[in-house]
Protein backbone atom coordinates (compact mmCIF):
# COMPACT_ATOMS: atom_id res chain seq x y z
CA MET A 1 44.50 147.70 89.43
CA SER A 2 43.71 147.94 85.71
CA LEU A 3 42.58 151.58 85.83
CA LEU A 4 45.35 152.93 83.32
CA ALA A 5 45.38 149.83 81.01
CA GLY A 6 44.20 151.66 78.28
CA VAL A 7 46.39 154.75 78.99
CA VAL A 8 48.84 155.42 76.24
CA LEU A 9 50.44 158.57 77.10
CA LEU A 10 53.15 157.13 79.46
CA VAL A 11 55.73 159.93 79.26
CA ALA A 12 54.34 162.01 82.20
CA VAL A 13 56.54 162.71 85.23
CA GLY A 14 55.42 163.94 88.67
CA ALA A 15 56.17 164.45 92.32
CA ALA A 16 55.73 163.05 95.90
CA GLY A 17 56.58 164.51 99.20
CA CYS A 18 60.14 164.45 100.69
CA GLY A 19 61.24 163.80 104.32
CA SER A 20 62.14 161.17 106.95
CA VAL A 21 60.46 157.81 107.33
CA THR A 22 61.59 157.50 110.86
CA PRO A 23 59.58 157.59 112.85
CA PRO A 24 56.47 156.29 110.95
CA GLU A 25 54.51 159.39 112.32
CA THR A 26 56.50 161.64 109.79
CA TRP A 27 54.30 160.73 106.91
CA GLN A 28 53.57 162.76 103.93
CA GLY A 29 51.14 162.45 100.89
CA PRO A 30 52.54 162.76 97.35
CA ALA A 31 52.68 166.49 96.82
CA GLY A 32 52.37 166.04 92.98
CA GLU A 33 48.94 164.65 93.29
CA LYS A 34 45.75 166.31 93.29
CA SER A 35 42.09 165.05 93.73
CA ALA A 36 39.76 165.12 90.59
CA SER A 37 38.23 168.40 92.06
CA GLY A 38 41.61 170.33 91.90
CA ALA A 39 42.37 170.15 95.75
CA GLN A 40 45.91 169.21 96.36
CA ALA A 41 46.54 165.79 97.91
CA PRO A 42 47.45 165.77 101.45
CA SER A 43 51.27 166.58 102.07
CA GLY A 44 53.43 167.80 104.91
CA THR A 45 54.30 166.25 108.26
CA PRO A 46 51.33 165.98 110.47
CA ALA A 47 51.77 167.42 114.17
CA PRO A 48 51.70 164.46 116.71
CA SER A 49 48.00 165.17 117.75
CA GLN A 50 46.99 164.49 114.21
CA ALA A 51 48.79 161.27 113.80
CA ALA A 52 45.55 159.25 113.78
CA ALA A 53 44.37 161.44 110.90
CA ALA A 54 47.69 161.39 108.84
CA PRO A 55 47.71 161.81 105.20
CA ALA A 56 47.14 158.38 103.57
CA THR A 57 50.41 157.78 101.97
CA PRO A 58 53.65 157.82 103.76
CA HIS A 59 56.71 159.42 102.65
CA GLU A 60 58.72 156.60 101.27
CA ALA A 61 62.05 158.10 101.07
CA PRO A 62 64.60 155.58 102.65
CA PRO A 63 66.78 156.69 105.59
CA ALA A 64 69.75 158.52 104.14
CA ASP A 65 72.28 156.40 106.37
CA GLY A 66 75.56 154.54 105.31
CA LEU A 67 76.15 152.13 102.45
CA GLU A 68 75.08 149.15 104.68
CA ALA A 69 71.55 148.37 105.54
CA PRO A 70 70.89 148.92 109.23
CA ALA A 71 70.70 145.71 111.42
CA ASP A 72 66.94 146.29 112.04
CA TYR A 73 66.31 147.15 108.25
CA GLY A 74 63.64 144.44 107.61
CA GLN A 75 61.80 145.61 110.79
CA ARG A 76 61.86 149.32 109.78
CA VAL A 77 60.15 148.55 106.36
CA GLU A 78 57.71 146.22 107.76
CA ALA A 79 56.67 148.71 110.53
CA LEU A 80 56.03 151.20 107.90
CA ARG A 81 54.02 148.89 105.83
CA ARG A 82 51.85 147.96 108.97
CA HIS A 83 51.42 151.67 109.79
CA LYS A 84 50.61 152.55 106.31
CA ASP A 85 48.00 149.89 105.92
CA GLU A 86 46.35 150.88 109.10
CA THR A 87 46.12 154.54 107.94
CA PHE A 88 44.54 153.38 104.66
CA ARG A 89 41.97 151.52 106.42
CA SER A 90 40.96 154.24 108.90
CA GLY A 91 42.52 157.54 108.12
CA LYS A 92 40.18 160.18 106.89
CA ASP A 93 42.52 160.92 104.03
CA SER A 94 42.90 157.52 102.69
CA PRO A 95 42.65 157.06 99.02
CA VAL A 96 40.96 153.71 99.08
CA PRO A 97 37.27 154.55 98.34
CA ALA A 98 35.23 154.76 101.62
CA GLU A 99 32.96 152.02 100.62
CA HIS A 100 35.86 149.68 100.40
CA ARG A 101 37.78 150.65 103.64
CA SER A 102 35.76 148.14 105.93
CA ALA A 103 36.96 145.24 103.89
CA PHE A 104 40.37 146.47 103.12
CA LYS A 105 42.86 144.05 104.52
CA GLY A 106 46.10 145.84 103.62
CA LEU A 107 48.33 146.40 100.66
CA SER A 108 50.15 143.57 98.91
CA TYR A 109 53.93 143.93 99.02
CA TYR A 110 56.91 141.86 97.82
CA PRO A 111 59.16 140.61 100.60
CA VAL A 112 61.76 142.78 101.83
CA ASP A 113 65.00 142.38 99.71
CA PRO A 114 67.94 144.26 100.87
CA SER A 115 69.60 143.55 97.53
CA TRP A 116 67.26 146.24 96.10
CA ARG A 117 68.74 148.93 98.45
CA LEU A 118 71.29 150.74 96.20
CA VAL A 119 73.48 153.73 96.95
CA LEU A 120 74.26 155.10 93.54
CA PRO A 121 76.31 158.15 91.93
CA LEU A 122 74.06 160.69 90.19
CA ILE A 123 75.31 161.07 86.79
CA ARG A 124 74.54 164.77 85.69
CA GLU A 125 74.30 164.27 81.99
CA GLY A 126 71.12 165.81 80.88
CA SER A 127 70.81 167.77 84.02
CA GLY A 128 68.95 171.15 83.91
CA GLU A 129 66.73 170.37 81.25
CA VAL A 130 63.18 171.59 82.46
CA ARG A 131 60.22 169.32 80.92
CA THR A 132 56.49 169.97 81.03
CA PHE A 133 54.35 166.73 81.02
CA VAL A 134 50.81 165.87 81.61
CA SER A 135 49.22 163.75 84.44
CA ASN A 136 46.56 161.07 83.97
CA LEU A 137 44.00 163.58 84.16
CA GLY A 138 45.54 166.05 81.79
CA GLU A 139 47.15 168.37 84.12
CA LYS A 140 50.51 169.89 83.29
CA ARG A 141 53.50 169.36 85.63
CA THR A 142 57.06 170.87 85.45
CA MET A 143 59.97 169.04 86.39
CA ARG A 144 63.74 169.52 86.16
CA ARG A 145 65.84 166.49 85.20
CA GLU A 146 68.74 166.23 87.55
CA GLY A 147 70.47 163.41 86.08
CA HIS A 148 70.42 159.64 86.04
CA VAL A 149 71.76 156.55 87.78
CA GLU A 150 72.87 153.29 86.26
CA PHE A 151 73.37 149.74 87.75
CA SER A 152 73.12 146.13 86.57
CA ARG A 153 70.68 143.47 87.90
CA ASP A 154 71.17 139.70 86.88
CA GLY A 155 73.44 141.04 83.93
CA VAL A 156 70.87 143.45 82.76
CA PRO A 157 71.99 147.09 82.62
CA VAL A 158 69.46 149.64 84.10
CA ARG A 159 69.52 153.52 83.72
CA LEU A 160 66.84 155.61 85.62
CA ALA A 161 66.55 159.30 85.35
CA LEU A 162 65.86 161.45 88.45
CA TYR A 163 63.77 164.52 88.55
CA HIS A 164 63.27 167.64 90.99
CA ILE A 165 59.81 169.09 91.19
CA LEU A 166 59.48 172.74 90.31
CA ASP A 167 55.80 173.40 90.74
CA ASP A 168 55.53 172.10 94.50
CA PRO A 169 57.38 173.36 97.59
CA VAL A 170 59.92 170.64 98.10
CA PRO A 171 63.57 170.87 99.52
CA ASP A 172 66.23 171.85 97.07
CA ASN A 173 67.85 168.34 97.16
CA SER A 174 64.82 166.35 96.79
CA LEU A 175 64.60 164.11 94.00
CA TRP A 176 61.69 162.08 92.49
CA LEU A 177 61.82 158.66 90.63
CA GLY A 178 58.76 157.56 88.72
CA PHE A 179 59.46 153.98 86.96
CA ALA A 180 57.69 151.22 85.36
CA ASP A 181 59.12 147.58 84.90
CA ALA A 182 58.24 144.48 83.16
CA GLY A 183 55.70 143.68 85.98
CA SER A 184 53.80 146.82 85.40
CA GLY A 185 50.01 145.95 84.57
CA LYS A 186 50.72 142.31 85.72
CA GLU A 187 51.98 142.31 89.13
CA THR A 188 52.39 146.22 89.69
CA TYR A 189 50.25 149.13 88.80
CA PRO A 190 50.36 149.84 85.19
CA GLY A 191 51.21 153.60 85.38
CA GLY A 192 54.33 152.90 87.47
CA ARG A 193 55.60 153.35 90.96
CA TYR A 194 57.22 156.17 92.78
CA ILE A 195 60.38 156.48 95.05
CA ASP A 196 61.26 159.79 96.71
CA THR A 197 64.84 160.26 97.67
CA GLU A 198 67.48 163.20 98.10
CA LEU A 199 70.93 164.17 96.68
CA ARG A 200 73.49 163.20 99.39
CA PRO A 201 76.52 165.63 99.96
CA ASP A 202 78.70 163.14 98.36
CA GLY A 203 76.74 163.30 95.07
CA THR A 204 75.05 159.88 95.40
CA VAL A 205 71.34 158.99 95.99
CA LEU A 206 69.82 156.05 98.14
CA LEU A 207 67.44 154.25 96.06
CA ASP A 208 65.58 151.73 97.97
CA PHE A 209 63.11 149.71 95.92
CA ASN A 210 61.56 148.26 98.96
CA TYR A 211 60.04 151.64 99.55
CA ALA A 212 58.56 151.92 96.02
CA TYR A 213 54.85 152.82 96.37
CA ASN A 214 51.85 153.30 94.15
CA PRO A 215 50.53 156.90 93.34
CA PHE A 216 46.99 157.69 94.64
CA CYS A 217 45.49 157.15 91.33
CA ALA A 218 46.11 153.36 91.69
CA TYR A 219 43.02 153.49 93.99
CA GLY A 220 40.56 155.26 91.78
CA TRP A 221 40.04 158.26 89.48
CA ALA A 222 39.48 160.61 92.38
CA TYR A 223 43.16 161.71 91.78
CA SER A 224 45.32 163.31 89.38
CA CYS A 225 48.89 161.86 89.49
CA PRO A 226 51.93 161.57 87.26
CA LEU A 227 52.75 158.36 85.17
CA ALA A 228 56.24 156.98 84.96
CA PRO A 229 58.16 158.79 82.22
CA SER A 230 58.95 156.73 79.21
CA GLU A 231 62.91 156.77 79.78
CA ASN A 232 61.95 154.99 83.05
CA ARG A 233 60.10 152.06 81.68
CA LEU A 234 62.33 149.03 82.39
CA LYS A 235 62.51 145.83 80.59
CA ILE A 236 63.21 143.85 83.88
CA PRO A 237 60.90 143.19 86.70
CA ILE A 238 61.49 145.02 89.95
CA ARG A 239 60.14 142.66 92.59
CA ALA A 240 60.27 144.92 95.50
CA GLY A 241 57.97 147.55 97.28
CA GLU A 242 54.25 147.44 96.74
CA ARG A 243 52.41 145.31 94.14
CA GLY A 244 49.37 146.26 92.58
CA PHE A 245 46.23 147.19 94.21
CA HIS A 246 42.91 145.03 93.86
CA GLN A 247 39.67 146.38 95.21
CA PRO A 248 38.18 144.15 98.21
């Protein structure tokens, strides 16, 4: 959990895969992450016959449905969490170190909270700016800033920038959010968490923090993954999605 506690460079940004989370078999690994050997982390949707050995991290983009949460919203989130835990425990591409998998009892999550499911307009201020940042292992990543969203939580204004991956094959409308909050390094991974989403036809984005997840480097130094950009480091806690990971 404290792997990046001493990391000072917290301006890196990066990527994760895009696609649907329903059904759970359509999982993707974070496309922006690589193993320490330089191999690309697993990504793409596995064929049904490969489901048992699917890439270890599900694509966490929330379903792009209407403004209201579906009636079975909580069950959807919980089902994906159970499926992800099983893949982390037994999948051949699990980022959990092999020696710890037999004792792995599942990731730690905050309770599902529909109030953290937000549909927000993408504000295009600052869009089009291309930035090159560095991952936790020093690799350069290229992203285009697409704009930002704004909302208020418990009276505190929040502003978060969203990026489009330029050095990985992702759909044109895909957006990546890396963020850190007041709980980072205490309750959650110090390098920040990810949300994958997309720009909707009406110019809005669905940000569901119940799907916020840890990058692969939360589980060990075998992966190179982007850290949350400095402009997305929040002063409030976001108690939704995955908590920090602790070795068994």
